[in-house]
Amino acid sequence: MVEDGEFKYPVNEITIAGNFKDMFKNIILANDLEFEYSVNSPTMMIEGMTVAGK
């Protein structure tokens, strides 16, 4: 969960709604890539995506 631009706590059982093609067009990558594991990725945001969960 992100509140006021900061990570507050993890969430589970989420549903993501939106057009898959539009999601890829609206990806914004952060500048926080760290090489710690065999697979690495920076934090990303998808503008206009709807997320729901518990």
C-alpha atoms as a PDB file:
ATOM      1  CA  MET A   1       0.000   0.000   0.000  1.00  0.00           C
ATOM      2  CA  VAL A   2       1.345   3.415  -0.943  1.00  0.00           C
ATOM      3  CA  GLU A   3       0.109   6.420   1.036  1.00  0.00           C
ATOM      4  CA  ASP A   4       1.394   9.965   0.527  1.00  0.00           C
ATOM      5  CA  GLY A   5       4.062   8.653  -1.863  1.00  0.00           C
ATOM      6  CA  GLU A   6       5.587   6.194   0.641  1.00  0.00           C
ATOM      7  CA  PHE A   7       5.305   2.420   0.993  1.00  0.00           C
ATOM      8  CA  LYS A   8       3.224   1.659   4.101  1.00  0.00           C
ATOM      9  CA  TYR A   9       2.620  -2.123   4.073  1.00  0.00           C
ATOM     10  CA  PRO A  10       2.360  -5.062   1.633  1.00  0.00           C
ATOM     11  CA  VAL A  11      -0.982  -6.100   0.155  1.00  0.00           C
ATOM     12  CA  ASN A  12      -2.227  -9.410  -1.240  1.00  0.00           C
ATOM     13  CA  GLU A  13      -5.133 -10.693  -3.300  1.00  0.00           C
ATOM     14  CA  ILE A  14      -5.302  -7.707  -5.652  1.00  0.00           C
ATOM     15  CA  THR A  15      -7.226  -7.245  -8.866  1.00  0.00           C
ATOM     16  CA  ILE A  16      -5.801  -5.122 -11.663  1.00  0.00           C
ATOM     17  CA  ALA A  17      -8.254  -3.664 -14.178  1.00  0.00           C
ATOM     18  CA  GLY A  18      -7.490  -1.885 -17.420  1.00  0.00           C
ATOM     19  CA  ASN A  19      -6.549  -2.318 -21.053  1.00  0.00           C
ATOM     20  CA  PHE A  20      -3.329  -4.377 -21.217  1.00  0.00           C
ATOM     21  CA  LYS A  21      -1.993  -2.498 -24.255  1.00  0.00           C
ATOM     22  CA  ASP A  22      -2.647   0.881 -22.581  1.00  0.00           C
ATOM     23  CA  MET A  23      -0.918  -0.310 -19.398  1.00  0.00           C
ATOM     24  CA  PHE A  24       2.305  -0.965 -21.308  1.00  0.00           C
ATOM     25  CA  LYS A  25       2.075   2.464 -22.959  1.00  0.00           C
ATOM     26  CA  ASN A  26       1.744   4.171 -19.555  1.00  0.00           C
ATOM     27  CA  ILE A  27       4.620   2.533 -17.624  1.00  0.00           C
ATOM     28  CA  ILE A  28       6.880   4.996 -15.809  1.00  0.00           C
ATOM     29  CA  LEU A  29      10.103   3.554 -14.349  1.00  0.00           C
ATOM     30  CA  ALA A  30      11.685   4.881 -11.154  1.00  0.00           C
ATOM     31  CA  ASN A  31      15.380   5.510 -10.613  1.00  0.00           C
ATOM     32  CA  ASP A  32      15.867   2.799  -7.964  1.00  0.00           C
ATOM     33  CA  LEU A  33      17.273  -0.211  -9.828  1.00  0.00           C
ATOM     34  CA  GLU A  34      19.563  -2.295  -7.606  1.00  0.00           C
ATOM     35  CA  PHE A  35      21.386  -5.430  -8.756  1.00  0.00           C
ATOM     36  CA  GLU A  36      20.867  -7.790  -5.797  1.00  0.00           C
ATOM     37  CA  TYR A  37      19.335 -10.894  -7.399  1.00  0.00           C
ATOM     38  CA  SER A  38      19.467 -12.817 -10.681  1.00  0.00           C
ATOM     39  CA  VAL A  39      16.355 -10.939 -11.868  1.00  0.00           C
ATOM     40  CA  ASN A  40      16.172  -7.189 -11.127  1.00  0.00           C
ATOM     41  CA  SER A  41      13.730  -4.420 -11.929  1.00  0.00           C
ATOM     42  CA  PRO A  42      13.174  -0.836 -10.817  1.00  0.00           C
ATOM     43  CA  THR A  43       9.944   0.235  -9.180  1.00  0.00           C
ATOM     44  CA  MET A  44       7.345   1.113 -11.793  1.00  0.00           C
ATOM     45  CA  MET A  45       4.098   3.038 -11.916  1.00  0.00           C
ATOM     46  CA  ILE A  46       1.318   2.600 -14.452  1.00  0.00           C
ATOM     47  CA  GLU A  47      -0.745   5.753 -14.869  1.00  0.00           C
ATOM     48  CA  GLY A  48      -4.506   5.256 -15.105  1.00  0.00           C
ATOM     49  CA  MET A  49      -4.508   1.678 -13.786  1.00  0.00           C
ATOM     50  CA  THR A  50      -7.193   0.605 -11.330  1.00  0.00           C
ATOM     51  CA  VAL A  51      -6.137  -1.686  -8.478  1.00  0.00           C
ATOM     52  CA  ALA A  52      -8.498  -3.193  -5.899  1.00  0.00           C
ATOM     53  CA  GLY A  53      -7.871  -5.587  -3.038  1.00  0.00           C
ATOM     54  CA  LYS A  54      -8.101  -6.356   0.655  1.00  0.00           C
END
